[in-house]
């Protein structure tokens, strides 16, 4: 099983003993100061220009998806073993459009389990 979540929840998971810092992987452009040792999966980090254009309203979610799929999601199949049992983290809150949901969708399309926690 592969999991997705955000940094805020990850801090809670550590405090509750559900996960250790070794269980988390960064798929965001930056990270909170509490995550100094987190491993980055660079292949899944969106280009900052893409993120900026989306946040500023220059592109919509459909165009973001289009570019992110072509630039980043092509690597998911090759990363499955590295992702297994890990929690993929970014900043976006639950229920918001986020690239981690695109990653999760791709993982499931490849026949693997992925769950938002």
N, C-alpha and C. Protein backbone atom coordinates (compact mmCIF):
# COMPACT_ATOMS: atom_id res chain seq x y z
N UNK A 1 0.85 -1.18 0.00
CA UNK A 1 0.00 0.00 0.00
C UNK A 1 0.89 1.24 0.00
N UNK A 2 0.48 2.22 -0.76
CA UNK A 2 1.13 3.52 -0.81
C UNK A 2 0.11 4.53 -0.30
N UNK A 3 0.57 5.52 0.44
CA UNK A 3 -0.32 6.50 1.03
C UNK A 3 0.04 7.90 0.55
N UNK A 4 -0.94 8.80 0.62
CA UNK A 4 -0.69 10.21 0.37
C UNK A 4 -1.29 11.02 1.52
N UNK A 5 -0.67 12.16 1.78
CA UNK A 5 -1.18 13.03 2.84
C UNK A 5 -0.48 14.38 2.74
N UNK A 6 -0.68 15.21 3.76
CA UNK A 6 -0.01 16.50 3.78
C UNK A 6 0.86 16.61 5.04
N UNK A 7 1.71 17.61 5.06
CA UNK A 7 2.67 17.76 6.16
C UNK A 7 2.00 17.95 7.52
N UNK A 8 0.91 18.69 7.56
CA UNK A 8 0.21 18.91 8.82
C UNK A 8 -0.23 17.59 9.44
N UNK A 9 -0.84 16.75 8.63
CA UNK A 9 -1.29 15.45 9.13
C UNK A 9 -0.10 14.56 9.49
N UNK A 10 0.97 14.65 8.73
CA UNK A 10 2.15 13.83 8.99
C UNK A 10 2.72 14.11 10.38
N UNK A 11 2.73 15.37 10.79
CA UNK A 11 3.21 15.72 12.13
C UNK A 11 2.33 15.05 13.19
N UNK A 12 1.03 15.04 12.96
CA UNK A 12 0.11 14.36 13.88
C UNK A 12 0.38 12.85 13.91
N UNK A 13 0.61 12.25 12.73
CA UNK A 13 0.87 10.81 12.66
C UNK A 13 2.12 10.43 13.45
N UNK A 14 3.15 11.27 13.39
CA UNK A 14 4.38 11.01 14.14
C UNK A 14 4.10 11.10 15.64
N UNK A 15 3.39 12.14 16.07
CA UNK A 15 3.05 12.30 17.49
C UNK A 15 2.23 11.14 18.02
N UNK A 16 1.35 10.61 17.18
CA UNK A 16 0.48 9.49 17.57
C UNK A 16 1.18 8.14 17.45
N UNK A 17 2.39 8.12 16.90
CA UNK A 17 3.14 6.87 16.74
C UNK A 17 2.68 6.01 15.58
N UNK A 18 1.89 6.57 14.68
CA UNK A 18 1.38 5.80 13.53
C UNK A 18 2.45 5.60 12.46
N UNK A 19 3.34 6.58 12.32
CA UNK A 19 4.42 6.53 11.35
C UNK A 19 5.66 7.15 11.96
N UNK A 20 6.81 6.83 11.39
CA UNK A 20 8.05 7.50 11.76
C UNK A 20 8.46 8.40 10.60
N UNK A 21 9.43 9.25 10.83
CA UNK A 21 9.87 10.16 9.77
C UNK A 21 10.42 9.40 8.56
N UNK A 22 10.89 8.18 8.76
CA UNK A 22 11.40 7.36 7.65
C UNK A 22 10.30 6.90 6.70
N UNK A 23 9.06 6.98 7.14
CA UNK A 23 7.93 6.52 6.33
C UNK A 23 7.45 7.55 5.31
N UNK A 24 7.98 8.78 5.39
CA UNK A 24 7.49 9.87 4.56
C UNK A 24 8.43 10.18 3.40
N UNK A 25 7.83 10.55 2.27
CA UNK A 25 8.57 10.98 1.09
C UNK A 25 8.02 12.33 0.63
N UNK A 26 8.91 13.25 0.35
CA UNK A 26 8.52 14.58 -0.12
C UNK A 26 8.29 14.56 -1.62
N UNK A 27 7.11 15.06 -2.04
CA UNK A 27 6.85 15.24 -3.47
C UNK A 27 6.47 16.69 -3.75
N UNK A 28 6.86 17.58 -2.85
CA UNK A 28 6.60 19.02 -2.99
C UNK A 28 7.90 19.75 -3.26
N UNK A 29 7.77 21.00 -3.71
CA UNK A 29 8.94 21.82 -4.00
C UNK A 29 9.74 22.19 -2.76
N UNK A 30 9.08 22.29 -1.64
CA UNK A 30 9.74 22.63 -0.39
C UNK A 30 9.12 21.79 0.72
N UNK A 31 9.64 21.98 1.92
CA UNK A 31 9.14 21.20 3.05
C UNK A 31 9.21 22.04 4.32
N UNK A 32 8.41 21.69 5.33
CA UNK A 32 8.49 22.40 6.61
C UNK A 32 9.81 22.09 7.31
N UNK A 33 10.22 22.97 8.19
CA UNK A 33 11.49 22.80 8.90
C UNK A 33 11.54 21.53 9.75
N UNK A 34 10.38 20.99 10.14
CA UNK A 34 10.33 19.77 10.95
C UNK A 34 10.77 18.53 10.18
N UNK A 35 10.87 18.63 8.87
CA UNK A 35 11.17 17.46 8.03
C UNK A 35 12.56 17.57 7.40
N UNK A 36 13.57 17.76 8.22
CA UNK A 36 14.93 17.99 7.71
C UNK A 36 15.52 16.76 7.02
N UNK A 37 15.13 15.58 7.44
CA UNK A 37 15.73 14.35 6.92
C UNK A 37 14.87 13.64 5.87
N UNK A 38 13.79 14.22 5.45
CA UNK A 38 12.88 13.55 4.52
C UNK A 38 13.52 13.38 3.14
N UNK A 39 13.29 12.23 2.56
CA UNK A 39 13.81 11.94 1.22
C UNK A 39 12.88 12.56 0.18
N UNK A 40 13.47 13.16 -0.84
CA UNK A 40 12.71 13.81 -1.91
C UNK A 40 12.62 12.88 -3.11
N UNK A 41 11.42 12.73 -3.66
CA UNK A 41 11.23 12.00 -4.91
C UNK A 41 11.13 13.06 -6.00
N UNK A 42 12.28 13.45 -6.52
CA UNK A 42 12.36 14.56 -7.47
C UNK A 42 11.50 14.36 -8.72
N UNK A 43 11.33 13.12 -9.13
CA UNK A 43 10.54 12.85 -10.33
C UNK A 43 9.09 13.26 -10.19
N UNK A 44 8.59 13.34 -8.95
CA UNK A 44 7.18 13.67 -8.71
C UNK A 44 6.97 15.09 -8.21
N UNK A 45 8.04 15.85 -8.07
CA UNK A 45 7.93 17.24 -7.65
C UNK A 45 7.53 18.07 -8.87
N UNK A 46 6.42 18.79 -8.79
CA UNK A 46 5.99 19.58 -9.95
C UNK A 46 6.93 20.77 -10.19
N UNK A 47 7.06 21.14 -11.44
CA UNK A 47 7.85 22.30 -11.80
C UNK A 47 7.24 23.53 -11.12
N UNK A 48 8.10 24.37 -10.52
CA UNK A 48 7.59 25.52 -9.78
C UNK A 48 6.82 26.49 -10.67
N UNK A 49 7.21 26.63 -11.92
CA UNK A 49 6.48 27.50 -12.84
C UNK A 49 5.05 27.00 -13.04
N UNK A 50 4.88 25.69 -13.12
CA UNK A 50 3.55 25.11 -13.26
C UNK A 50 2.70 25.42 -12.02
N UNK A 51 3.28 25.22 -10.85
CA UNK A 51 2.58 25.50 -9.60
C UNK A 51 2.20 26.98 -9.52
N UNK A 52 3.14 27.85 -9.83
CA UNK A 52 2.89 29.29 -9.76
C UNK A 52 1.79 29.73 -10.71
N UNK A 53 1.80 29.18 -11.92
CA UNK A 53 0.78 29.54 -12.89
C UNK A 53 -0.60 29.07 -12.44
N UNK A 54 -0.66 27.89 -11.81
CA UNK A 54 -1.93 27.40 -11.30
C UNK A 54 -2.42 28.25 -10.14
N UNK A 55 -1.54 28.52 -9.18
CA UNK A 55 -1.93 29.31 -8.00
C UNK A 55 -2.36 30.73 -8.37
N UNK A 56 -1.78 31.28 -9.41
CA UNK A 56 -2.13 32.65 -9.81
C UNK A 56 -3.34 32.69 -10.73
N UNK A 57 -3.86 31.52 -11.13
CA UNK A 57 -5.04 31.47 -11.98
C UNK A 57 -4.76 31.56 -13.47
N UNK A 58 -3.48 31.53 -13.85
CA UNK A 58 -3.15 31.59 -15.27
C UNK A 58 -3.51 30.30 -16.01
N UNK A 59 -3.52 29.19 -15.28
CA UNK A 59 -3.97 27.91 -15.86
C UNK A 59 -4.96 27.27 -14.90
N UNK A 60 -5.83 26.42 -15.43
CA UNK A 60 -6.81 25.74 -14.58
C UNK A 60 -6.30 24.33 -14.24
N UNK A 61 -7.10 23.59 -13.48
CA UNK A 61 -6.72 22.25 -13.04
C UNK A 61 -6.52 21.31 -14.22
N UNK A 62 -7.32 21.45 -15.26
CA UNK A 62 -7.18 20.56 -16.42
C UNK A 62 -5.84 20.76 -17.13
N UNK A 63 -5.43 22.00 -17.29
CA UNK A 63 -4.14 22.27 -17.93
C UNK A 63 -2.98 21.85 -17.02
N UNK A 64 -3.15 22.07 -15.73
CA UNK A 64 -2.13 21.60 -14.77
C UNK A 64 -1.96 20.09 -14.90
N UNK A 65 -3.08 19.38 -14.90
CA UNK A 65 -3.05 17.92 -15.04
C UNK A 65 -2.33 17.51 -16.33
N UNK A 66 -2.67 18.16 -17.42
CA UNK A 66 -2.07 17.86 -18.72
C UNK A 66 -0.54 17.93 -18.64
N UNK A 67 -0.02 19.03 -18.12
CA UNK A 67 1.43 19.22 -18.07
C UNK A 67 2.09 18.34 -17.03
N UNK A 68 1.45 18.16 -15.88
CA UNK A 68 2.03 17.32 -14.83
C UNK A 68 2.11 15.87 -15.28
N UNK A 69 1.08 15.38 -15.96
CA UNK A 69 1.10 14.00 -16.46
C UNK A 69 2.28 13.78 -17.39
N UNK A 70 2.52 14.71 -18.28
CA UNK A 70 3.59 14.56 -19.27
C UNK A 70 4.98 14.75 -18.68
N UNK A 71 5.10 15.59 -17.67
CA UNK A 71 6.41 15.87 -17.09
C UNK A 71 6.78 14.96 -15.92
N UNK A 72 5.79 14.48 -15.18
CA UNK A 72 6.08 13.78 -13.94
C UNK A 72 5.47 12.38 -13.82
N UNK A 73 4.23 12.22 -14.21
CA UNK A 73 3.56 10.93 -13.98
C UNK A 73 4.13 9.80 -14.81
N UNK A 74 4.89 10.12 -15.84
CA UNK A 74 5.52 9.08 -16.66
C UNK A 74 6.52 8.25 -15.84
N UNK A 75 6.95 8.76 -14.69
CA UNK A 75 7.94 8.07 -13.85
C UNK A 75 7.34 7.15 -12.80
N UNK A 76 6.04 7.23 -12.57
CA UNK A 76 5.42 6.51 -11.46
C UNK A 76 5.68 5.02 -11.53
N UNK A 77 5.50 4.41 -12.67
CA UNK A 77 5.67 2.96 -12.79
C UNK A 77 7.07 2.53 -12.34
N UNK A 78 8.08 3.29 -12.70
CA UNK A 78 9.45 2.96 -12.32
C UNK A 78 9.74 3.20 -10.84
N UNK A 79 8.88 3.95 -10.17
CA UNK A 79 9.10 4.30 -8.76
C UNK A 79 8.32 3.45 -7.77
N UNK A 80 7.46 2.57 -8.24
CA UNK A 80 6.54 1.83 -7.37
C UNK A 80 7.26 1.16 -6.21
N UNK A 81 8.34 0.46 -6.46
CA UNK A 81 9.04 -0.23 -5.37
C UNK A 81 9.54 0.75 -4.31
N UNK A 82 10.01 1.90 -4.73
CA UNK A 82 10.52 2.92 -3.81
C UNK A 82 9.38 3.54 -3.00
N UNK A 83 8.17 3.57 -3.57
CA UNK A 83 7.02 4.21 -2.92
C UNK A 83 6.27 3.27 -1.99
N UNK A 84 6.40 1.99 -2.19
CA UNK A 84 5.63 0.99 -1.44
C UNK A 84 5.83 1.16 0.08
N UNK A 85 4.70 1.26 0.79
CA UNK A 85 4.72 1.39 2.25
C UNK A 85 5.01 2.80 2.74
N UNK A 86 5.17 3.74 1.84
CA UNK A 86 5.53 5.11 2.20
C UNK A 86 4.32 6.03 2.12
N UNK A 87 4.48 7.23 2.70
CA UNK A 87 3.46 8.27 2.65
C UNK A 87 4.03 9.42 1.83
N UNK A 88 3.39 9.75 0.71
CA UNK A 88 3.83 10.83 -0.15
C UNK A 88 3.23 12.14 0.35
N UNK A 89 4.08 13.13 0.60
CA UNK A 89 3.63 14.36 1.24
C UNK A 89 3.79 15.60 0.38
N UNK A 90 2.82 16.49 0.53
CA UNK A 90 2.90 17.85 0.01
C UNK A 90 2.12 18.75 0.97
N UNK A 91 1.94 20.00 0.62
CA UNK A 91 1.30 20.96 1.51
C UNK A 91 -0.22 21.02 1.41
N UNK A 92 -0.78 20.68 0.29
CA UNK A 92 -2.22 20.91 0.04
C UNK A 92 -3.11 20.22 1.06
N UNK A 93 -4.12 20.92 1.47
CA UNK A 93 -5.08 20.38 2.42
C UNK A 93 -6.02 19.37 1.76
N UNK A 94 -6.69 18.63 2.60
CA UNK A 94 -7.64 17.62 2.12
C UNK A 94 -8.76 18.30 1.32
N UNK A 95 -9.17 17.65 0.25
CA UNK A 95 -10.28 18.15 -0.55
C UNK A 95 -9.92 19.19 -1.59
N UNK A 96 -8.67 19.62 -1.63
CA UNK A 96 -8.24 20.61 -2.62
C UNK A 96 -7.57 19.91 -3.78
N UNK A 97 -7.64 20.52 -4.97
CA UNK A 97 -6.92 19.97 -6.12
C UNK A 97 -5.44 19.94 -5.78
N UNK A 98 -4.80 18.82 -6.05
CA UNK A 98 -3.39 18.66 -5.67
C UNK A 98 -2.73 17.60 -6.54
N UNK A 99 -1.46 17.81 -6.83
CA UNK A 99 -0.74 16.84 -7.65
C UNK A 99 -0.62 15.49 -6.96
N UNK A 100 -0.67 15.43 -5.63
CA UNK A 100 -0.57 14.12 -4.97
C UNK A 100 -1.77 13.25 -5.31
N UNK A 101 -2.92 13.88 -5.58
CA UNK A 101 -4.09 13.11 -6.00
C UNK A 101 -3.90 12.57 -7.42
N UNK A 102 -3.20 13.31 -8.25
CA UNK A 102 -2.88 12.83 -9.60
C UNK A 102 -1.93 11.65 -9.51
N UNK A 103 -0.97 11.71 -8.60
CA UNK A 103 -0.04 10.59 -8.40
C UNK A 103 -0.81 9.37 -7.91
N UNK A 104 -1.68 9.57 -6.94
CA UNK A 104 -2.48 8.47 -6.39
C UNK A 104 -3.34 7.82 -7.47
N UNK A 105 -3.96 8.63 -8.28
CA UNK A 105 -4.80 8.14 -9.38
C UNK A 105 -3.96 7.28 -10.34
N UNK A 106 -2.77 7.74 -10.68
CA UNK A 106 -1.89 7.01 -11.59
C UNK A 106 -1.46 5.67 -10.97
N UNK A 107 -1.13 5.68 -9.69
CA UNK A 107 -0.74 4.44 -9.00
C UNK A 107 -1.86 3.42 -9.07
N UNK A 108 -3.08 3.86 -8.81
CA UNK A 108 -4.23 2.95 -8.86
C UNK A 108 -4.49 2.44 -10.28
N UNK A 109 -4.31 3.31 -11.28
CA UNK A 109 -4.48 2.88 -12.67
C UNK A 109 -3.48 1.81 -13.06
N UNK A 110 -2.32 1.83 -12.41
CA UNK A 110 -1.30 0.82 -12.67
C UNK A 110 -1.57 -0.49 -11.91
N UNK A 111 -2.64 -0.51 -11.11
CA UNK A 111 -3.04 -1.72 -10.40
C UNK A 111 -2.52 -1.85 -8.98
N UNK A 112 -2.01 -0.76 -8.42
CA UNK A 112 -1.50 -0.78 -7.05
C UNK A 112 -2.45 -0.02 -6.14
N UNK A 113 -2.36 -0.31 -4.84
CA UNK A 113 -3.23 0.36 -3.87
C UNK A 113 -2.58 1.66 -3.42
N UNK A 114 -3.39 2.69 -3.35
CA UNK A 114 -2.93 3.99 -2.87
C UNK A 114 -4.11 4.65 -2.18
N UNK A 115 -3.86 5.18 -0.99
CA UNK A 115 -4.93 5.71 -0.17
C UNK A 115 -4.52 7.03 0.46
N UNK A 116 -5.42 8.01 0.45
CA UNK A 116 -5.22 9.28 1.14
C UNK A 116 -5.50 9.08 2.62
N UNK A 117 -4.59 9.51 3.48
CA UNK A 117 -4.79 9.37 4.93
C UNK A 117 -4.68 10.73 5.60
